[in-house]
Amino acid sequence: MAKLEMTLYEDFDAVLSRIETGILDGSLSATLEDKSDFVDGAARCSVRVFERYSYLGGNRVSLSVTLFQGLSGTLRLSAVASGGSQAMFFKVNTFGEAAFLDKLRALL
């Protein structure tokens, strides 16, 4: 599992759109598996779960992205990539997870 956490000072909708478009356009096998959006007053939270095939790892990896905006307007992003291991009892070959996060990092 690989994780990326950031604080952003940008427009919520613009960042979310950039993430969705960039991930889906950045890989032929990338799909948006599901999404969820919450609003409570001025607070917002969006969750996106992407999946793609990792050619290097020879398996599918997922990327869960949570974007949160509290009352201050500051954006908090948490992204977790998973599924890149081929071993049964320990993590081996996590290149796909890191590459998925690197794609997101480049978009931000």
Protein backbone atom coordinates (compact mmCIF):
# COMPACT_ATOMS: atom_id res chain seq x y z
CA MET A 1 0.00 0.00 0.00
CA ALA A 2 1.24 3.48 -0.87
CA LYS A 3 -0.18 6.74 0.47
CA LEU A 4 -0.13 10.42 -0.49
CA GLU A 5 -1.52 13.21 1.69
CA MET A 6 -1.54 16.89 0.73
CA THR A 7 -3.02 20.24 1.67
CA LEU A 8 -4.16 22.28 -1.32
CA TYR A 9 -5.25 25.89 -1.71
CA GLU A 10 -7.31 25.60 -4.89
CA ASP A 11 -10.91 25.37 -6.02
CA PHE A 12 -12.53 22.10 -4.89
CA ASP A 13 -14.37 21.42 -8.17
CA ALA A 14 -11.35 22.26 -10.31
CA VAL A 15 -9.09 19.89 -8.35
CA LEU A 16 -11.65 17.08 -8.41
CA SER A 17 -12.17 17.48 -12.16
CA ARG A 18 -8.41 17.54 -12.77
CA ILE A 19 -8.00 14.32 -10.79
CA GLU A 20 -10.83 12.48 -12.56
CA THR A 21 -9.83 13.59 -16.05
CA GLY A 22 -6.12 13.12 -15.50
CA ILE A 23 -6.37 9.61 -14.06
CA LEU A 24 -8.85 8.37 -16.67
CA ASP A 25 -7.02 9.96 -19.60
CA GLY A 26 -3.63 8.91 -18.26
CA SER A 27 -4.07 5.16 -18.76
CA LEU A 28 -5.88 3.05 -21.33
CA SER A 29 -7.03 0.62 -18.63
CA ALA A 30 -8.03 3.18 -15.96
CA THR A 31 -11.65 3.15 -14.81
CA LEU A 32 -13.65 5.04 -12.21
CA GLU A 33 -15.05 2.18 -10.14
CA ASP A 34 -17.27 4.26 -7.86
CA LYS A 35 -17.67 7.67 -6.30
CA SER A 36 -19.35 9.33 -3.36
CA ASP A 37 -20.00 12.99 -2.53
CA PHE A 38 -21.12 14.62 0.72
CA VAL A 39 -22.00 18.21 1.58
CA ASP A 40 -22.77 19.51 5.05
CA GLY A 41 -23.11 23.28 5.08
CA ALA A 42 -19.82 24.65 3.80
CA ALA A 43 -17.98 21.34 4.29
CA ARG A 44 -17.54 18.98 1.33
CA CYS A 45 -16.09 15.53 0.88
CA SER A 46 -15.64 13.54 -2.34
CA VAL A 47 -14.33 9.99 -2.61
CA ARG A 48 -13.20 8.44 -5.89
CA VAL A 49 -12.02 4.87 -6.41
CA PHE A 50 -10.05 4.20 -9.58
CA GLU A 51 -8.62 0.97 -10.90
CA ARG A 52 -6.13 0.20 -13.65
CA TYR A 53 -3.98 -2.60 -14.95
CA SER A 54 -0.30 -2.39 -14.03
CA TYR A 55 1.72 -3.72 -16.96
CA LEU A 56 4.92 -3.68 -14.95
CA GLY A 57 3.37 -5.58 -12.04
CA GLY A 58 1.12 -7.78 -14.17
CA ASN A 59 -1.93 -7.13 -11.96
CA ARG A 60 -4.68 -4.59 -11.23
CA VAL A 61 -4.20 -1.78 -8.73
CA SER A 62 -6.72 0.54 -7.14
CA LEU A 63 -6.43 4.16 -6.10
CA SER A 64 -8.82 5.63 -3.52
CA VAL A 65 -8.84 9.43 -3.44
CA THR A 66 -10.58 11.47 -0.73
CA LEU A 67 -10.86 15.22 -1.15
CA PHE A 68 -12.16 17.18 1.85
CA GLN A 69 -12.91 20.86 2.28
CA GLY A 70 -13.75 22.11 5.76
CA LEU A 71 -15.09 25.44 6.95
CA SER A 72 -11.74 27.18 6.40
CA GLY A 73 -11.87 26.39 2.67
CA THR A 74 -8.55 24.56 2.72
CA LEU A 75 -8.54 21.28 0.79
CA ARG A 76 -7.16 18.08 2.27
CA LEU A 77 -6.37 15.19 -0.02
CA SER A 78 -5.67 11.61 0.96
CA ALA A 79 -4.91 8.99 -1.68
CA VAL A 80 -4.19 5.31 -1.06
CA ALA A 81 -3.06 2.88 -3.75
CA SER A 82 -3.44 -0.83 -3.14
CA GLY A 83 -3.49 -4.21 -4.82
CA GLY A 84 -0.09 -4.15 -6.44
CA SER A 85 1.38 -7.18 -4.70
CA GLN A 86 1.56 -10.68 -6.15
CA ALA A 87 2.68 -12.53 -3.04
CA MET A 88 0.35 -14.41 -0.71
CA PHE A 89 1.79 -13.53 2.71
CA PHE A 90 3.87 -10.37 2.20
CA LYS A 91 4.12 -7.45 -0.22
CA VAL A 92 6.20 -8.06 -3.31
CA ASN A 93 6.30 -5.99 -6.50
CA THR A 94 4.46 -2.84 -5.47
CA PHE A 95 5.62 -0.89 -8.54
CA GLY A 96 2.05 -0.47 -9.80
CA GLU A 97 0.89 1.16 -6.57
CA ALA A 98 3.74 3.68 -6.58
CA ALA A 99 3.22 4.45 -10.28
CA PHE A 100 -0.49 5.11 -9.74
CA LEU A 101 0.30 7.56 -6.94
CA ASP A 102 3.03 9.18 -9.03
CA LYS A 103 0.44 9.87 -11.73
CA LEU A 104 -1.80 11.60 -9.19
CA ARG A 105 1.13 13.52 -7.71
CA ALA A 106 2.00 14.86 -11.19
CA LEU A 107 -1.60 16.02 -11.70
CA LEU A 108 -1.55 18.00 -8.47
